[in-house]
Structures are given as C-alpha cells and as structure tokens.
Amino acid sequence: MGTNNHDLLYFRENSGQFTACLFFSISKTPSAKRKEHRMSRKHSSLHGIAIIHDFKVRFANPAFCRLIGLSEKELIGAHLKKFISEAEFIKNTKRYSDRIAGLNLPRIYKSQVIHSDGSTIDVELNVCVVPYGRSLAALVIVRDIREEEAWKYCI
C-alpha cells in the first residue's frame, strides 16, 4: 500500500496487483464529494473495504455493504457494534485503540462480523492506520473466508 498524496490512497495486495483506489477527501466540498463518489464506483473491489474512525464507519465500499447486508446509507456513521459479534467486539475495539495509539500489531488476523440477517461470517481483516482529517483512522480490508474454513473440515 502506498500513498501518492494526502488525497489519493492506493491499495495493493501481497501479490502486488492493483486492488482499489479511493479518493481520501479531507475537505468535504461538493466537488470533492463528487470525485470521491466517482472514484469509489470506478474502482470497486471483491473484498470489503471500510474506513473506521472513532469506532464508526466513515467509508464502506459496495463489497463491504454486500458482506454485511446493509446499504451504504445504513453503514456510514454506524458504530462497530452494529456488525461485529459480541465475542469479537472487545478484541477488535482494543486492537483498534492500540493501533490508533501507535502500537505495532499484526495487520492481518481472523475475526467475525454479523450479517444483517443475524448470521455470523468468518472474515480475515487486513488493517492499517491512515490519516483521516486531522487524526487517524483504521483502513480495513475485509475478506470472507467461509469457503476456506469449510474446506478445512472436508480435507
């Protein structure tokens, strides 16, 4: 992952292939909002991507919305408790606080999220800290690993 400037954020997976590109607007002027909307539509990803700031969703791509089963409108501004299982909530919020505080933690780990229908989804999270306005936020790439987990029991 690398940044071109403070307004454009590129994501790269371990393979080095281009995954997504988001406009990271600090000033939410009407033209910045239009550009952000175009960029997020143009470069969608198979993996869920979210920006979490102050324990709330500030950005969610279409893949993340589908994974959770909520619309973008329902997710933006939603607290993490809305889609993180109770068992994982304490661990994930502790990691989030520690990461924002500057502690060096593993970027990739397994967790669970809750779909809007109440079902639990096993996911792999790839998390890093990014500038957000005048503070920091967590950029989270969410990968559904249900099929991988099911294959473990078949082998």
C-alpha atoms as a PDB file:
ATOM      1  CA  MET A   1       0.000   0.000   0.000  1.00  0.00           C
ATOM      2  CA  GLY A   2       1.340   3.437  -0.831  1.00  0.00           C
ATOM      3  CA  THR A   3       0.105   6.985  -0.868  1.00  0.00           C
ATOM      4  CA  ASN A   4       0.545   9.307  -3.810  1.00  0.00           C
ATOM      5  CA  ASN A   5      -0.535  12.350  -1.787  1.00  0.00           C
ATOM      6  CA  HIS A   6      -2.908  13.007   1.092  1.00  0.00           C
ATOM      7  CA  ASP A   7      -5.965  12.864  -1.144  1.00  0.00           C
ATOM      8  CA  LEU A   8      -5.370   9.635  -3.064  1.00  0.00           C
ATOM      9  CA  LEU A   9      -4.848   6.242  -1.456  1.00  0.00           C
ATOM     10  CA  TYR A  10      -3.808   3.124  -3.400  1.00  0.00           C
ATOM     11  CA  PHE A  11      -4.264  -0.397  -2.048  1.00  0.00           C
ATOM     12  CA  ARG A  12      -2.067  -3.284  -3.123  1.00  0.00           C
ATOM     13  CA  GLU A  13      -2.355  -6.903  -2.051  1.00  0.00           C
ATOM     14  CA  ASN A  14       0.663  -9.091  -1.276  1.00  0.00           C
ATOM     15  CA  SER A  15       0.729 -10.205  -4.917  1.00  0.00           C
ATOM     16  CA  GLY A  16       1.323  -6.592  -5.919  1.00  0.00           C
ATOM     17  CA  GLN A  17      -1.752  -6.497  -8.122  1.00  0.00           C
ATOM     18  CA  PHE A  18      -3.834  -3.339  -8.150  1.00  0.00           C
ATOM     19  CA  THR A  19      -6.865  -3.818  -5.904  1.00  0.00           C
ATOM     20  CA  ALA A  20      -8.588  -0.488  -5.349  1.00  0.00           C
ATOM     21  CA  CYS A  21      -8.158   3.249  -5.383  1.00  0.00           C
ATOM     22  CA  LEU A  22     -10.070   5.642  -3.147  1.00  0.00           C
ATOM     23  CA  PHE A  23     -10.254   9.397  -3.058  1.00  0.00           C
ATOM     24  CA  PHE A  24      -9.473  10.268   0.546  1.00  0.00           C
ATOM     25  CA  SER A  25     -11.010  13.704   0.920  1.00  0.00           C
ATOM     26  CA  ILE A  26     -10.086  15.803   3.914  1.00  0.00           C
ATOM     27  CA  SER A  27     -12.241  18.730   2.858  1.00  0.00           C
ATOM     28  CA  LYS A  28     -15.757  17.580   2.053  1.00  0.00           C
ATOM     29  CA  THR A  29     -16.536  20.245  -0.546  1.00  0.00           C
ATOM     30  CA  PRO A  30     -19.253  19.368  -3.100  1.00  0.00           C
ATOM     31  CA  SER A  31     -16.644  18.805  -5.830  1.00  0.00           C
ATOM     32  CA  ALA A  32     -14.583  16.576  -3.505  1.00  0.00           C
ATOM     33  CA  LYS A  33     -17.678  14.522  -2.669  1.00  0.00           C
ATOM     34  CA  ARG A  34     -18.450  14.052  -6.391  1.00  0.00           C
ATOM     35  CA  LYS A  35     -14.870  12.991  -7.092  1.00  0.00           C
ATOM     36  CA  GLU A  36     -14.904  10.596  -4.121  1.00  0.00           C
ATOM     37  CA  HIS A  37     -18.145   9.058  -5.382  1.00  0.00           C
ATOM     38  CA  ARG A  38     -16.728   8.586  -8.916  1.00  0.00           C
ATOM     39  CA  MET A  39     -13.519   7.036  -7.621  1.00  0.00           C
ATOM     40  CA  SER A  40     -15.253   4.578  -5.297  1.00  0.00           C
ATOM     41  CA  ARG A  41     -17.616   3.474  -8.099  1.00  0.00           C
ATOM     42  CA  LYS A  42     -14.874   3.222 -10.698  1.00  0.00           C
ATOM     43  CA  HIS A  43     -12.532   1.061  -8.643  1.00  0.00           C
ATOM     44  CA  SER A  44     -14.688  -1.435  -6.815  1.00  0.00           C
ATOM     45  CA  SER A  45     -13.142  -4.481  -5.201  1.00  0.00           C
ATOM     46  CA  LEU A  46     -14.178  -8.046  -4.471  1.00  0.00           C
ATOM     47  CA  HIS A  47     -13.010  -7.512  -0.894  1.00  0.00           C
ATOM     48  CA  GLY A  48     -14.840  -5.300   1.541  1.00  0.00           C
ATOM     49  CA  ILE A  49     -13.100  -2.029   2.293  1.00  0.00           C
ATOM     50  CA  ALA A  50     -14.034   0.241   5.179  1.00  0.00           C
ATOM     51  CA  ILE A  51     -12.566   3.238   6.949  1.00  0.00           C
ATOM     52  CA  ILE A  52     -13.253   3.240  10.701  1.00  0.00           C
ATOM     53  CA  HIS A  53     -12.829   6.452  12.689  1.00  0.00           C
ATOM     54  CA  ASP A  54     -13.882   6.886  16.339  1.00  0.00           C
ATOM     55  CA  PHE A  55     -15.398   3.357  16.261  1.00  0.00           C
ATOM     56  CA  LYS A  56     -17.749   4.366  13.414  1.00  0.00           C
ATOM     57  CA  VAL A  57     -17.812   3.562   9.699  1.00  0.00           C
ATOM     58  CA  ARG A  58     -16.770   6.573   7.619  1.00  0.00           C
ATOM     59  CA  PHE A  59     -16.463   4.762   4.267  1.00  0.00           C
ATOM     60  CA  ALA A  60     -17.769   1.399   3.027  1.00  0.00           C
ATOM     61  CA  ASN A  61     -17.329   0.049  -0.497  1.00  0.00           C
ATOM     62  CA  PRO A  62     -20.120  -1.942  -2.215  1.00  0.00           C
ATOM     63  CA  ALA A  63     -18.440  -5.292  -1.406  1.00  0.00           C
ATOM     64  CA  PHE A  64     -18.400  -4.474   2.319  1.00  0.00           C
ATOM     65  CA  CYS A  65     -22.049  -3.412   2.182  1.00  0.00           C
ATOM     66  CA  ARG A  66     -22.989  -6.717   0.486  1.00  0.00           C
ATOM     67  CA  LEU A  67     -20.992  -8.732   3.029  1.00  0.00           C
ATOM     68  CA  ILE A  68     -22.775  -7.062   5.956  1.00  0.00           C
ATOM     69  CA  GLY A  69     -26.156  -6.943   4.197  1.00  0.00           C
ATOM     70  CA  LEU A  70     -26.682  -3.230   4.770  1.00  0.00           C
ATOM     71  CA  SER A  71     -26.804  -0.277   2.395  1.00  0.00           C
ATOM     72  CA  GLU A  72     -24.052   2.309   2.344  1.00  0.00           C
ATOM     73  CA  LYS A  73     -26.507   4.765   3.896  1.00  0.00           C
ATOM     74  CA  GLU A  74     -27.142   2.355   6.795  1.00  0.00           C
ATOM     75  CA  LEU A  75     -23.434   1.693   7.342  1.00  0.00           C
ATOM     76  CA  ILE A  76     -21.958   5.195   7.166  1.00  0.00           C
ATOM     77  CA  GLY A  77     -21.900   6.535  10.708  1.00  0.00           C
ATOM     78  CA  ALA A  78     -22.802   3.135  12.200  1.00  0.00           C
ATOM     79  CA  HIS A  79     -20.942   2.045  15.328  1.00  0.00           C
ATOM     80  CA  LEU A  80     -18.843  -1.124  15.127  1.00  0.00           C
ATOM     81  CA  LYS A  81     -21.302  -2.880  17.468  1.00  0.00           C
ATOM     82  CA  LYS A  82     -23.801  -2.960  14.606  1.00  0.00           C
ATOM     83  CA  PHE A  83     -21.838  -5.608  12.696  1.00  0.00           C
ATOM     84  CA  ILE A  84     -19.179  -7.131  14.960  1.00  0.00           C
ATOM     85  CA  SER A  85     -20.078 -10.188  17.002  1.00  0.00           C
ATOM     86  CA  GLU A  86     -20.168  -9.710  20.755  1.00  0.00           C
ATOM     87  CA  ALA A  87     -17.331 -12.193  21.215  1.00  0.00           C
ATOM     88  CA  GLU A  88     -15.105 -10.214  18.837  1.00  0.00           C
ATOM     89  CA  PHE A  89     -16.181  -6.704  19.820  1.00  0.00           C
ATOM     90  CA  ILE A  90     -13.872  -6.322  22.829  1.00  0.00           C
ATOM     91  CA  LYS A  91     -10.851  -7.778  20.981  1.00  0.00           C
ATOM     92  CA  ASN A  92     -11.420  -5.658  17.879  1.00  0.00           C
ATOM     93  CA  THR A  93     -12.007  -2.387  19.730  1.00  0.00           C
ATOM     94  CA  LYS A  94      -8.875  -2.986  21.855  1.00  0.00           C
ATOM     95  CA  ARG A  95      -6.854  -3.626  18.679  1.00  0.00           C
ATOM     96  CA  TYR A  96      -8.380  -0.517  17.076  1.00  0.00           C
ATOM     97  CA  SER A  97      -7.469   1.694  20.076  1.00  0.00           C
ATOM     98  CA  ASP A  98      -3.952   0.234  20.329  1.00  0.00           C
ATOM     99  CA  ARG A  99      -3.368   0.627  16.591  1.00  0.00           C
ATOM    100  CA  ILE A 100      -4.533   4.284  16.618  1.00  0.00           C
ATOM    101  CA  ALA A 101      -2.290   4.869  19.667  1.00  0.00           C
ATOM    102  CA  GLY A 102       0.683   3.720  17.580  1.00  0.00           C
ATOM    103  CA  LEU A 103       1.274   0.182  18.821  1.00  0.00           C
ATOM    104  CA  ASN A 104       2.722  -2.179  16.213  1.00  0.00           C
ATOM    105  CA  LEU A 105       0.222  -5.030  15.891  1.00  0.00           C
ATOM    106  CA  PRO A 106      -0.189  -7.800  13.320  1.00  0.00           C
ATOM    107  CA  ARG A 107      -2.009  -6.325  10.313  1.00  0.00           C
ATOM    108  CA  ILE A 108      -3.800  -9.498   9.265  1.00  0.00           C
ATOM    109  CA  TYR A 109      -5.979 -11.546  11.594  1.00  0.00           C
ATOM    110  CA  LYS A 110      -9.212 -13.528  11.623  1.00  0.00           C
ATOM    111  CA  SER A 111     -12.416 -12.223  13.111  1.00  0.00           C
ATOM    112  CA  GLN A 112     -16.179 -12.439  12.700  1.00  0.00           C
ATOM    113  CA  VAL A 113     -18.802  -9.979  11.522  1.00  0.00           C
ATOM    114  CA  ILE A 114     -22.566 -10.153  11.775  1.00  0.00           C
ATOM    115  CA  HIS A 115     -24.743 -10.028   8.670  1.00  0.00           C
ATOM    116  CA  SER A 116     -27.967  -8.026   8.899  1.00  0.00           C
ATOM    117  CA  ASP A 117     -29.879 -11.355   8.973  1.00  0.00           C
ATOM    118  CA  GLY A 118     -28.077 -12.266  12.226  1.00  0.00           C
ATOM    119  CA  SER A 119     -25.728 -14.880  10.770  1.00  0.00           C
ATOM    120  CA  THR A 120     -22.052 -14.821  11.718  1.00  0.00           C
ATOM    121  CA  ILE A 121     -19.456 -14.558   8.948  1.00  0.00           C
ATOM    122  CA  ASP A 122     -15.823 -15.629   9.365  1.00  0.00           C
ATOM    123  CA  VAL A 123     -13.544 -12.984   7.873  1.00  0.00           C
ATOM    124  CA  GLU A 124      -9.897 -12.097   7.538  1.00  0.00           C
ATOM    125  CA  LEU A 125      -9.111  -8.474   8.343  1.00  0.00           C
ATOM    126  CA  ASN A 126      -6.134  -6.579   6.941  1.00  0.00           C
ATOM    127  CA  VAL A 127      -5.881  -3.379   8.969  1.00  0.00           C
ATOM    128  CA  CYS A 128      -3.617  -0.349   8.852  1.00  0.00           C
ATOM    129  CA  VAL A 129      -3.731   3.197  10.179  1.00  0.00           C
ATOM    130  CA  VAL A 130      -4.257   6.051   7.708  1.00  0.00           C
ATOM    131  CA  PRO A 131      -4.552   9.834   8.100  1.00  0.00           C
ATOM    132  CA  TYR A 132      -8.165  10.954   8.376  1.00  0.00           C
ATOM    133  CA  GLY A 133      -8.715  14.691   8.562  1.00  0.00           C
ATOM    134  CA  ARG A 134      -6.547  15.857  11.439  1.00  0.00           C
ATOM    135  CA  SER A 135      -6.469  12.488  13.178  1.00  0.00           C
ATOM    136  CA  LEU A 136      -6.071   8.806  12.310  1.00  0.00           C
ATOM    137  CA  ALA A 137      -8.447   6.093  11.168  1.00  0.00           C
ATOM    138  CA  ALA A 138      -8.286   2.365  10.518  1.00  0.00           C
ATOM    139  CA  LEU A 139      -8.367   1.265   6.900  1.00  0.00           C
ATOM    140  CA  VAL A 140      -9.796  -2.258   6.897  1.00  0.00           C
ATOM    141  CA  ILE A 141      -9.827  -4.720   4.015  1.00  0.00           C
ATOM    142  CA  VAL A 142     -12.306  -7.490   4.821  1.00  0.00           C
ATOM    143  CA  ARG A 143     -12.114 -10.888   3.126  1.00  0.00           C
ATOM    144  CA  ASP A 144     -14.853 -13.500   3.501  1.00  0.00           C
ATOM    145  CA  ILE A 145     -13.131 -16.774   4.449  1.00  0.00           C
ATOM    146  CA  ARG A 146     -16.185 -19.008   4.959  1.00  0.00           C
ATOM    147  CA  GLU A 147     -15.306 -21.237   1.999  1.00  0.00           C
ATOM    148  CA  GLU A 148     -11.704 -21.636   3.163  1.00  0.00           C
ATOM    149  CA  GLU A 149     -12.902 -22.581   6.643  1.00  0.00           C
ATOM    150  CA  ALA A 150     -15.390 -25.113   5.207  1.00  0.00           C
ATOM    151  CA  TRP A 151     -12.647 -26.749   3.132  1.00  0.00           C
ATOM    152  CA  LYS A 152     -10.588 -27.381   6.274  1.00  0.00           C
ATOM    153  CA  TYR A 153     -13.303 -29.734   7.504  1.00  0.00           C
ATOM    154  CA  CYS A 154     -13.584 -31.536   4.144  1.00  0.00           C
ATOM    155  CA  ILE A 155      -9.917 -32.464   3.876  1.00  0.00           C
END
